[in-house]
Amino acid sequence: MRPIHRLVSATALAGGLVFVIASATVHGNGQNAQVNQQLAAARAATARYHDVNEALADGYVALGANPAEDDAFELVNFNLIDCTLDVTQPEALRYVESGGRLRLIAVEYAIPMACTATPPVNFLPGAGEWEQEAGVPVWMMGVFVWSGRSGAGH
């Protein structure tokens, strides 16, 4: 088994967590200046997570490949899932395997439905779609700040 797969598998098993993240694809192109500044802040704050070990050290838990997201590897920091949203502290990170290592492609934001019955439309307005997480009472929004992809469903 390759080292990346061992790392992801071992961490997911150790956590004993079953939590599948699915979210919409969003991109900052064509957004207003304030949203673009917030997306730039998200990139700056998560740049260190290009090294997956930094994410793990900061409390993100590897959940393994997510078939709903083209088998992207999901890391979630459950300590960040609360009633607040901060562009510089995404609740989840999304990676793809590339060249034998994990490459960060997106950040994901989550807020429990117990905190807000409707999606938080004032958070990164126009930058993406909030979706209800399947089987989990949270709103999710993915932002592809580290890839060139755009368009819903990627």
C-alpha atoms as a PDB file:
ATOM      1  CA  MET A   1       0.000   0.000   0.000  1.00  0.00           C
ATOM      2  CA  ARG A   2       1.385   3.423  -0.912  1.00  0.00           C
ATOM      3  CA  PRO A   3       2.321   5.785   1.975  1.00  0.00           C
ATOM      4  CA  ILE A   4      -0.504   8.238   1.190  1.00  0.00           C
ATOM      5  CA  HIS A   5      -3.113   5.493   1.272  1.00  0.00           C
ATOM      6  CA  ARG A   6      -1.686   4.130   4.540  1.00  0.00           C
ATOM      7  CA  LEU A   7      -1.776   7.606   6.105  1.00  0.00           C
ATOM      8  CA  VAL A   8      -5.335   8.301   5.038  1.00  0.00           C
ATOM      9  CA  SER A   9      -6.600   4.803   5.878  1.00  0.00           C
ATOM     10  CA  ALA A  10      -4.902   4.660   9.269  1.00  0.00           C
ATOM     11  CA  THR A  11      -6.095   8.103  10.290  1.00  0.00           C
ATOM     12  CA  ALA A  12      -9.684   7.449   9.195  1.00  0.00           C
ATOM     13  CA  LEU A  13      -9.766   4.113  10.980  1.00  0.00           C
ATOM     14  CA  ALA A  14      -8.196   5.535  14.117  1.00  0.00           C
ATOM     15  CA  GLY A  15     -10.818   8.241  14.259  1.00  0.00           C
ATOM     16  CA  GLY A  16     -13.624   5.755  13.728  1.00  0.00           C
ATOM     17  CA  LEU A  17     -15.533   8.456  11.917  1.00  0.00           C
ATOM     18  CA  VAL A  18     -18.009   8.133   9.126  1.00  0.00           C
ATOM     19  CA  PHE A  19     -18.693  11.538   7.686  1.00  0.00           C
ATOM     20  CA  VAL A  20     -18.963  12.048   3.959  1.00  0.00           C
ATOM     21  CA  ILE A  21     -18.608  15.565   2.719  1.00  0.00           C
ATOM     22  CA  ALA A  22     -20.269  16.612  -0.502  1.00  0.00           C
ATOM     23  CA  SER A  23     -20.347  20.185  -1.613  1.00  0.00           C
ATOM     24  CA  ALA A  24     -20.833  22.436  -4.552  1.00  0.00           C
ATOM     25  CA  THR A  25     -17.959  23.720  -6.583  1.00  0.00           C
ATOM     26  CA  VAL A  26     -17.416  27.423  -6.371  1.00  0.00           C
ATOM     27  CA  HIS A  27     -14.884  29.794  -7.753  1.00  0.00           C
ATOM     28  CA  GLY A  28     -14.023  33.416  -7.044  1.00  0.00           C
ATOM     29  CA  ASN A  29     -13.923  34.521 -10.674  1.00  0.00           C
ATOM     30  CA  GLY A  30     -16.294  37.388 -11.363  1.00  0.00           C
ATOM     31  CA  GLN A  31     -17.118  38.000  -7.699  1.00  0.00           C
ATOM     32  CA  ASN A  32     -17.207  41.383  -6.028  1.00  0.00           C
ATOM     33  CA  ALA A  33     -14.009  42.830  -4.562  1.00  0.00           C
ATOM     34  CA  GLN A  34     -14.903  41.959  -0.970  1.00  0.00           C
ATOM     35  CA  VAL A  35     -15.533  38.288  -1.807  1.00  0.00           C
ATOM     36  CA  ASN A  36     -12.308  38.122  -3.822  1.00  0.00           C
ATOM     37  CA  GLN A  37     -10.428  39.551  -0.833  1.00  0.00           C
ATOM     38  CA  GLN A  38     -12.015  36.922   1.409  1.00  0.00           C
ATOM     39  CA  LEU A  39     -11.038  34.158  -1.019  1.00  0.00           C
ATOM     40  CA  ALA A  40      -7.482  35.512  -1.066  1.00  0.00           C
ATOM     41  CA  ALA A  41      -7.499  35.396   2.752  1.00  0.00           C
ATOM     42  CA  ALA A  42      -8.664  31.765   2.590  1.00  0.00           C
ATOM     43  CA  ARG A  43      -5.775  30.922   0.255  1.00  0.00           C
ATOM     44  CA  ALA A  44      -3.247  32.676   2.472  1.00  0.00           C
ATOM     45  CA  ALA A  45      -4.541  30.964   5.610  1.00  0.00           C
ATOM     46  CA  THR A  46      -4.530  27.504   4.066  1.00  0.00           C
ATOM     47  CA  ALA A  47      -1.297  27.669   2.060  1.00  0.00           C
ATOM     48  CA  ARG A  48       0.522  25.662   4.743  1.00  0.00           C
ATOM     49  CA  TYR A  49      -1.973  22.813   4.228  1.00  0.00           C
ATOM     50  CA  HIS A  50      -0.382  21.944   0.901  1.00  0.00           C
ATOM     51  CA  ASP A  51       1.615  19.749   3.285  1.00  0.00           C
ATOM     52  CA  VAL A  52      -1.074  17.345   4.519  1.00  0.00           C
ATOM     53  CA  ASN A  53       0.971  16.743   7.677  1.00  0.00           C
ATOM     54  CA  GLU A  54       0.415  20.384   8.664  1.00  0.00           C
ATOM     55  CA  ALA A  55      -3.337  19.867   8.373  1.00  0.00           C
ATOM     56  CA  LEU A  56      -3.159  16.719  10.491  1.00  0.00           C
ATOM     57  CA  ALA A  57      -1.052  18.545  13.098  1.00  0.00           C
ATOM     58  CA  ASP A  58      -3.675  21.319  13.229  1.00  0.00           C
ATOM     59  CA  GLY A  59      -6.460  18.882  14.080  1.00  0.00           C
ATOM     60  CA  TYR A  60      -7.837  17.877  10.697  1.00  0.00           C
ATOM     61  CA  VAL A  61      -8.791  14.195  10.539  1.00  0.00           C
ATOM     62  CA  ALA A  62      -8.375  12.224   7.322  1.00  0.00           C
ATOM     63  CA  LEU A  63     -11.618  10.550   6.302  1.00  0.00           C
ATOM     64  CA  GLY A  64     -10.324   8.930   3.146  1.00  0.00           C
ATOM     65  CA  ALA A  65     -11.584   9.054  -0.408  1.00  0.00           C
ATOM     66  CA  ASN A  66     -15.039  10.495  -0.982  1.00  0.00           C
ATOM     67  CA  PRO A  67     -16.809   8.875  -3.942  1.00  0.00           C
ATOM     68  CA  ALA A  68     -19.278  11.790  -4.066  1.00  0.00           C
ATOM     69  CA  GLU A  69     -16.339  14.092  -4.838  1.00  0.00           C
ATOM     70  CA  ASP A  70     -14.518  12.081  -7.521  1.00  0.00           C
ATOM     71  CA  ASP A  71     -12.627  10.172  -4.796  1.00  0.00           C
ATOM     72  CA  ALA A  72     -11.022  13.336  -3.461  1.00  0.00           C
ATOM     73  CA  PHE A  73      -9.480  12.849  -0.020  1.00  0.00           C
ATOM     74  CA  GLU A  74     -11.362  14.679   2.721  1.00  0.00           C
ATOM     75  CA  LEU A  75      -9.875  16.034   5.924  1.00  0.00           C
ATOM     76  CA  VAL A  76     -12.220  17.551   8.516  1.00  0.00           C
ATOM     77  CA  ASN A  77     -11.500  19.507  11.659  1.00  0.00           C
ATOM     78  CA  PHE A  78     -14.520  18.664  13.789  1.00  0.00           C
ATOM     79  CA  ASN A  79     -13.438  21.240  16.399  1.00  0.00           C
ATOM     80  CA  LEU A  80     -14.189  23.980  13.855  1.00  0.00           C
ATOM     81  CA  ILE A  81     -17.753  22.848  13.150  1.00  0.00           C
ATOM     82  CA  ASP A  82     -19.753  25.257  15.285  1.00  0.00           C
ATOM     83  CA  CYS A  83     -22.067  28.230  14.831  1.00  0.00           C
ATOM     84  CA  THR A  84     -19.378  30.514  13.411  1.00  0.00           C
ATOM     85  CA  LEU A  85     -17.868  30.747   9.948  1.00  0.00           C
ATOM     86  CA  ASP A  86     -14.418  32.176   9.264  1.00  0.00           C
ATOM     87  CA  VAL A  87     -12.913  32.221   5.761  1.00  0.00           C
ATOM     88  CA  THR A  88      -9.471  31.662   7.284  1.00  0.00           C
ATOM     89  CA  GLN A  89     -10.555  28.533   9.188  1.00  0.00           C
ATOM     90  CA  PRO A  90     -12.312  26.125   6.833  1.00  0.00           C
ATOM     91  CA  GLU A  91     -13.942  23.176   8.525  1.00  0.00           C
ATOM     92  CA  ALA A  92     -12.672  20.780   5.852  1.00  0.00           C
ATOM     93  CA  LEU A  93      -9.960  20.436   3.231  1.00  0.00           C
ATOM     94  CA  ARG A  94     -10.147  18.525  -0.035  1.00  0.00           C
ATOM     95  CA  TYR A  95      -7.145  16.870  -1.698  1.00  0.00           C
ATOM     96  CA  VAL A  96      -6.515  14.783  -4.807  1.00  0.00           C
ATOM     97  CA  GLU A  97      -3.694  12.355  -5.333  1.00  0.00           C
ATOM     98  CA  SER A  98      -1.137  13.752  -7.734  1.00  0.00           C
ATOM     99  CA  GLY A  99       2.388  12.532  -8.368  1.00  0.00           C
ATOM    100  CA  GLY A 100       2.312  10.142  -5.420  1.00  0.00           C
ATOM    101  CA  ARG A 101       1.242  12.774  -2.903  1.00  0.00           C
ATOM    102  CA  LEU A 102      -1.896  14.613  -1.861  1.00  0.00           C
ATOM    103  CA  ARG A 103      -2.487  17.994  -3.520  1.00  0.00           C
ATOM    104  CA  LEU A 104      -4.797  20.528  -1.854  1.00  0.00           C
ATOM    105  CA  ILE A 105      -7.517  21.695  -4.241  1.00  0.00           C
ATOM    106  CA  ALA A 106     -10.345  23.101  -2.129  1.00  0.00           C
ATOM    107  CA  VAL A 107     -11.516  24.302   1.253  1.00  0.00           C
ATOM    108  CA  GLU A 108     -14.963  23.559   2.620  1.00  0.00           C
ATOM    109  CA  TYR A 109     -17.108  25.472   5.048  1.00  0.00           C
ATOM    110  CA  ALA A 110     -19.730  23.865   7.270  1.00  0.00           C
ATOM    111  CA  ILE A 111     -22.272  25.098   9.780  1.00  0.00           C
ATOM    112  CA  PRO A 112     -24.771  22.953  11.713  1.00  0.00           C
ATOM    113  CA  MET A 113     -28.417  23.409  10.813  1.00  0.00           C
ATOM    114  CA  ALA A 114     -29.096  23.813  14.532  1.00  0.00           C
ATOM    115  CA  CYS A 115     -27.313  27.171  14.184  1.00  0.00           C
ATOM    116  CA  THR A 116     -29.220  28.351  11.131  1.00  0.00           C
ATOM    117  CA  ALA A 117     -32.307  26.832   9.548  1.00  0.00           C
ATOM    118  CA  THR A 118     -31.363  28.351   6.194  1.00  0.00           C
ATOM    119  CA  PRO A 119     -28.016  28.520   4.414  1.00  0.00           C
ATOM    120  CA  PRO A 120     -25.824  31.456   5.495  1.00  0.00           C
ATOM    121  CA  VAL A 121     -26.196  33.459   2.276  1.00  0.00           C
ATOM    122  CA  ASN A 122     -24.168  36.391   3.641  1.00  0.00           C
ATOM    123  CA  PHE A 123     -21.019  34.268   3.956  1.00  0.00           C
ATOM    124  CA  LEU A 124     -19.019  34.581   0.714  1.00  0.00           C
ATOM    125  CA  PRO A 125     -22.130  35.832  -1.089  1.00  0.00           C
ATOM    126  CA  GLY A 126     -22.287  34.769  -4.698  1.00  0.00           C
ATOM    127  CA  ALA A 127     -19.169  32.617  -4.409  1.00  0.00           C
ATOM    128  CA  GLY A 128     -20.982  29.314  -4.348  1.00  0.00           C
ATOM    129  CA  GLU A 129     -23.927  27.245  -3.327  1.00  0.00           C
ATOM    130  CA  TRP A 130     -24.664  26.002   0.142  1.00  0.00           C
ATOM    131  CA  GLU A 131     -25.974  22.452   0.175  1.00  0.00           C
ATOM    132  CA  GLN A 132     -27.444  20.306   2.879  1.00  0.00           C
ATOM    133  CA  GLU A 133     -25.007  17.549   3.754  1.00  0.00           C
ATOM    134  CA  ALA A 134     -26.560  14.161   2.968  1.00  0.00           C
ATOM    135  CA  GLY A 135     -27.458  12.381   6.182  1.00  0.00           C
ATOM    136  CA  VAL A 136     -25.843  15.016   8.403  1.00  0.00           C
ATOM    137  CA  PRO A 137     -27.647  18.155   9.640  1.00  0.00           C
ATOM    138  CA  VAL A 138     -25.099  20.684   8.352  1.00  0.00           C
ATOM    139  CA  TRP A 139     -24.863  23.170   5.502  1.00  0.00           C
ATOM    140  CA  MET A 140     -21.741  22.751   3.325  1.00  0.00           C
ATOM    141  CA  MET A 141     -20.017  24.904   0.722  1.00  0.00           C
ATOM    142  CA  GLY A 142     -16.849  23.962  -1.141  1.00  0.00           C
ATOM    143  CA  VAL A 143     -14.496  26.550  -2.591  1.00  0.00           C
ATOM    144  CA  PHE A 144     -11.857  25.477  -5.108  1.00  0.00           C
ATOM    145  CA  VAL A 145      -9.278  28.074  -4.099  1.00  0.00           C
ATOM    146  CA  TRP A 146      -6.337  25.842  -5.056  1.00  0.00           C
ATOM    147  CA  SER A 147      -7.383  24.410  -8.418  1.00  0.00           C
ATOM    148  CA  GLY A 148      -8.298  25.872 -11.755  1.00  0.00           C
ATOM    149  CA  ARG A 149     -11.606  24.030 -11.844  1.00  0.00           C
ATOM    150  CA  SER A 150     -14.900  25.827 -11.866  1.00  0.00           C
ATOM    151  CA  GLY A 151     -18.545  25.030 -12.391  1.00  0.00           C
ATOM    152  CA  ALA A 152     -21.050  23.202 -10.226  1.00  0.00           C
ATOM    153  CA  GLY A 153     -20.534  19.538  -9.567  1.00  0.00           C
ATOM    154  CA  HIS A 154     -16.724  19.421  -9.771  1.00  0.00           C
END
